[in-house]
């Protein structure tokens, strides 16, 4: 698989993940806890995909590195908010678990990319 093919597949994967998160949040009952958690989760989950797209458009090694660092940070934050939802029993637990698993996979992949670009 070429870098271009990988980037296309991962762009689609991160976009689809953001859509799944938004759909999950739309199905979650609304109360004060879910209001804050939903807002934070939707921001970081969509940021993962947006920043990976920006990574693909990088113009230098430093710019690639800076963008993938944001992807890693936002993926990790996504996991945090999913853990909070799970701990509070908000939403369908099996869907939270599935989203957690996908966020973890995205974090692992983006962390691997980050380590390959790390400055010496």
C-alpha atoms as a PDB file:
ATOM      1  CA  UNK A   1       0.000   0.000   0.000  1.00  0.00           C
ATOM      2  CA  UNK A   2       1.358   3.412  -0.923  1.00  0.00           C
ATOM      3  CA  UNK A   3       1.389   6.410   1.424  1.00  0.00           C
ATOM      4  CA  UNK A   4      -1.280   8.022  -0.727  1.00  0.00           C
ATOM      5  CA  UNK A   5      -3.550   4.974  -0.465  1.00  0.00           C
ATOM      6  CA  UNK A   6      -2.997   4.739   3.281  1.00  0.00           C
ATOM      7  CA  UNK A   7      -3.732   8.448   3.744  1.00  0.00           C
ATOM      8  CA  UNK A   8      -6.969   8.127   1.773  1.00  0.00           C
ATOM      9  CA  UNK A   9      -8.098   5.119   3.807  1.00  0.00           C
ATOM     10  CA  UNK A  10      -7.178   6.736   7.126  1.00  0.00           C
ATOM     11  CA  UNK A  11      -8.878  10.020   6.138  1.00  0.00           C
ATOM     12  CA  UNK A  12     -12.041   8.026   5.456  1.00  0.00           C
ATOM     13  CA  UNK A  13     -11.657   6.049   8.670  1.00  0.00           C
ATOM     14  CA  UNK A  14     -11.270   9.151  10.843  1.00  0.00           C
ATOM     15  CA  UNK A  15     -14.185  10.867   9.063  1.00  0.00           C
ATOM     16  CA  UNK A  16     -16.398   7.800   9.542  1.00  0.00           C
ATOM     17  CA  UNK A  17     -15.385   7.654  13.199  1.00  0.00           C
ATOM     18  CA  UNK A  18     -16.423  11.287  13.699  1.00  0.00           C
ATOM     19  CA  UNK A  19     -19.778  10.552  12.043  1.00  0.00           C
ATOM     20  CA  UNK A  20     -20.302   7.524  14.327  1.00  0.00           C
ATOM     21  CA  UNK A  21     -19.542   9.663  17.385  1.00  0.00           C
ATOM     22  CA  UNK A  22     -21.999  12.365  16.290  1.00  0.00           C
ATOM     23  CA  UNK A  23     -24.728   9.811  15.601  1.00  0.00           C
ATOM     24  CA  UNK A  24     -24.088   8.194  18.971  1.00  0.00           C
ATOM     25  CA  UNK A  25     -24.342  11.558  20.722  1.00  0.00           C
ATOM     26  CA  UNK A  26     -27.597  12.333  18.923  1.00  0.00           C
ATOM     27  CA  UNK A  27     -29.055   9.109  20.325  1.00  0.00           C
ATOM     28  CA  UNK A  28     -27.918   9.811  23.888  1.00  0.00           C
ATOM     29  CA  UNK A  29     -30.482  11.178  26.315  1.00  0.00           C
ATOM     30  CA  UNK A  30     -29.925  14.808  27.184  1.00  0.00           C
ATOM     31  CA  UNK A  31     -29.147  15.979  30.709  1.00  0.00           C
ATOM     32  CA  UNK A  32     -26.579  18.288  32.278  1.00  0.00           C
ATOM     33  CA  UNK A  33     -23.774  15.691  32.293  1.00  0.00           C
ATOM     34  CA  UNK A  34     -24.242  14.640  28.692  1.00  0.00           C
ATOM     35  CA  UNK A  35     -24.425  18.270  27.538  1.00  0.00           C
ATOM     36  CA  UNK A  36     -20.848  18.997  28.561  1.00  0.00           C
ATOM     37  CA  UNK A  37     -19.465  15.572  27.693  1.00  0.00           C
ATOM     38  CA  UNK A  38     -21.185  15.541  24.300  1.00  0.00           C
ATOM     39  CA  UNK A  39     -19.824  18.936  23.382  1.00  0.00           C
ATOM     40  CA  UNK A  40     -16.258  17.996  24.318  1.00  0.00           C
ATOM     41  CA  UNK A  41     -16.435  14.565  22.672  1.00  0.00           C
ATOM     42  CA  UNK A  42     -17.846  15.917  19.428  1.00  0.00           C
ATOM     43  CA  UNK A  43     -15.134  18.586  19.257  1.00  0.00           C
ATOM     44  CA  UNK A  44     -12.194  16.248  19.728  1.00  0.00           C
ATOM     45  CA  UNK A  45     -13.586  13.355  17.629  1.00  0.00           C
ATOM     46  CA  UNK A  46     -14.146  15.636  14.654  1.00  0.00           C
ATOM     47  CA  UNK A  47     -10.772  17.300  15.233  1.00  0.00           C
ATOM     48  CA  UNK A  48      -9.036  13.941  14.741  1.00  0.00           C
ATOM     49  CA  UNK A  49     -10.303  13.704  11.183  1.00  0.00           C
ATOM     50  CA  UNK A  50      -9.849  17.383  10.379  1.00  0.00           C
ATOM     51  CA  UNK A  51      -6.264  17.402  11.583  1.00  0.00           C
ATOM     52  CA  UNK A  52      -5.389  14.186   9.780  1.00  0.00           C
ATOM     53  CA  UNK A  53      -6.603  15.848   6.584  1.00  0.00           C
ATOM     54  CA  UNK A  54      -4.338  18.805   7.409  1.00  0.00           C
ATOM     55  CA  UNK A  55      -1.480  16.365   8.039  1.00  0.00           C
ATOM     56  CA  UNK A  56      -1.950  14.963   4.528  1.00  0.00           C
ATOM     57  CA  UNK A  57      -1.530  18.475   3.134  1.00  0.00           C
ATOM     58  CA  UNK A  58       1.658  19.188   5.084  1.00  0.00           C
ATOM     59  CA  UNK A  59       4.396  21.073   3.283  1.00  0.00           C
ATOM     60  CA  UNK A  60       7.389  20.095   5.416  1.00  0.00           C
ATOM     61  CA  UNK A  61       8.480  17.403   7.841  1.00  0.00           C
ATOM     62  CA  UNK A  62       7.964  19.849  10.730  1.00  0.00           C
ATOM     63  CA  UNK A  63       4.443  20.639   9.567  1.00  0.00           C
ATOM     64  CA  UNK A  64       3.613  16.931   9.177  1.00  0.00           C
ATOM     65  CA  UNK A  65       4.937  16.330  12.687  1.00  0.00           C
ATOM     66  CA  UNK A  66       3.004  19.231  14.208  1.00  0.00           C
ATOM     67  CA  UNK A  67      -0.285  18.075  12.649  1.00  0.00           C
ATOM     68  CA  UNK A  68       0.116  14.424  13.617  1.00  0.00           C
ATOM     69  CA  UNK A  69       0.867  15.550  17.181  1.00  0.00           C
ATOM     70  CA  UNK A  70      -2.546  17.233  17.227  1.00  0.00           C
ATOM     71  CA  UNK A  71      -4.184  14.068  15.878  1.00  0.00           C
ATOM     72  CA  UNK A  72      -2.586  12.024  18.686  1.00  0.00           C
ATOM     73  CA  UNK A  73      -3.650  14.546  21.328  1.00  0.00           C
ATOM     74  CA  UNK A  74      -7.239  14.743  20.069  1.00  0.00           C
ATOM     75  CA  UNK A  75      -7.554  10.948  19.752  1.00  0.00           C
ATOM     76  CA  UNK A  76      -6.372  10.577  23.345  1.00  0.00           C
ATOM     77  CA  UNK A  77      -8.827  13.242  24.484  1.00  0.00           C
ATOM     78  CA  UNK A  78     -11.600  11.405  22.645  1.00  0.00           C
ATOM     79  CA  UNK A  79     -10.780   8.310  24.684  1.00  0.00           C
ATOM     80  CA  UNK A  80     -10.971  10.373  27.878  1.00  0.00           C
ATOM     81  CA  UNK A  81     -14.467  11.656  27.102  1.00  0.00           C
ATOM     82  CA  UNK A  82     -15.638   8.162  26.132  1.00  0.00           C
ATOM     83  CA  UNK A  83     -14.309   6.884  29.461  1.00  0.00           C
ATOM     84  CA  UNK A  84     -16.246   9.629  31.234  1.00  0.00           C
ATOM     85  CA  UNK A  85     -19.470   8.702  29.427  1.00  0.00           C
ATOM     86  CA  UNK A  86     -18.925   5.063  30.291  1.00  0.00           C
ATOM     87  CA  UNK A  87     -18.140   5.794  33.947  1.00  0.00           C
ATOM     88  CA  UNK A  88     -21.320   7.846  34.247  1.00  0.00           C
ATOM     89  CA  UNK A  89     -23.399   5.225  32.432  1.00  0.00           C
ATOM     90  CA  UNK A  90     -24.422   7.620  29.683  1.00  0.00           C
ATOM     91  CA  UNK A  91     -25.522   6.117  26.388  1.00  0.00           C
ATOM     92  CA  UNK A  92     -25.480   2.587  25.067  1.00  0.00           C
ATOM     93  CA  UNK A  93     -22.544   0.834  26.734  1.00  0.00           C
ATOM     94  CA  UNK A  94     -21.817  -1.455  23.793  1.00  0.00           C
ATOM     95  CA  UNK A  95     -21.656   1.530  21.440  1.00  0.00           C
ATOM     96  CA  UNK A  96     -19.384   3.398  23.855  1.00  0.00           C
ATOM     97  CA  UNK A  97     -17.141   0.314  23.935  1.00  0.00           C
ATOM     98  CA  UNK A  98     -17.079   0.098  20.130  1.00  0.00           C
ATOM     99  CA  UNK A  99     -16.224   3.796  19.830  1.00  0.00           C
ATOM    100  CA  UNK A 100     -13.560   3.407  22.515  1.00  0.00           C
ATOM    101  CA  UNK A 101     -12.006   0.524  20.588  1.00  0.00           C
ATOM    102  CA  UNK A 102     -11.933   2.515  17.334  1.00  0.00           C
ATOM    103  CA  UNK A 103     -10.510   5.597  19.070  1.00  0.00           C
ATOM    104  CA  UNK A 104      -7.796   3.406  20.594  1.00  0.00           C
ATOM    105  CA  UNK A 105      -6.905   1.987  17.178  1.00  0.00           C
ATOM    106  CA  UNK A 106      -6.761   5.463  15.672  1.00  0.00           C
ATOM    107  CA  UNK A 107      -4.542   6.580  18.567  1.00  0.00           C
ATOM    108  CA  UNK A 108      -2.165   3.644  18.043  1.00  0.00           C
ATOM    109  CA  UNK A 109      -1.882   4.265  14.313  1.00  0.00           C
ATOM    110  CA  UNK A 110      -1.386   8.012  14.639  1.00  0.00           C
ATOM    111  CA  UNK A 111       1.141   7.509  17.467  1.00  0.00           C
ATOM    112  CA  UNK A 112       3.128   5.181  15.228  1.00  0.00           C
ATOM    113  CA  UNK A 113       3.133   7.815  12.467  1.00  0.00           C
ATOM    114  CA  UNK A 114       4.226  10.426  15.016  1.00  0.00           C
ATOM    115  CA  UNK A 115       7.123   8.283  16.222  1.00  0.00           C
ATOM    116  CA  UNK A 116       8.312   7.774  12.641  1.00  0.00           C
ATOM    117  CA  UNK A 117       8.413  11.556  12.110  1.00  0.00           C
ATOM    118  CA  UNK A 118       9.900  12.522  15.473  1.00  0.00           C
ATOM    119  CA  UNK A 119      12.773  14.956  15.196  1.00  0.00           C
ATOM    120  CA  UNK A 120      16.180  13.414  15.964  1.00  0.00           C
END
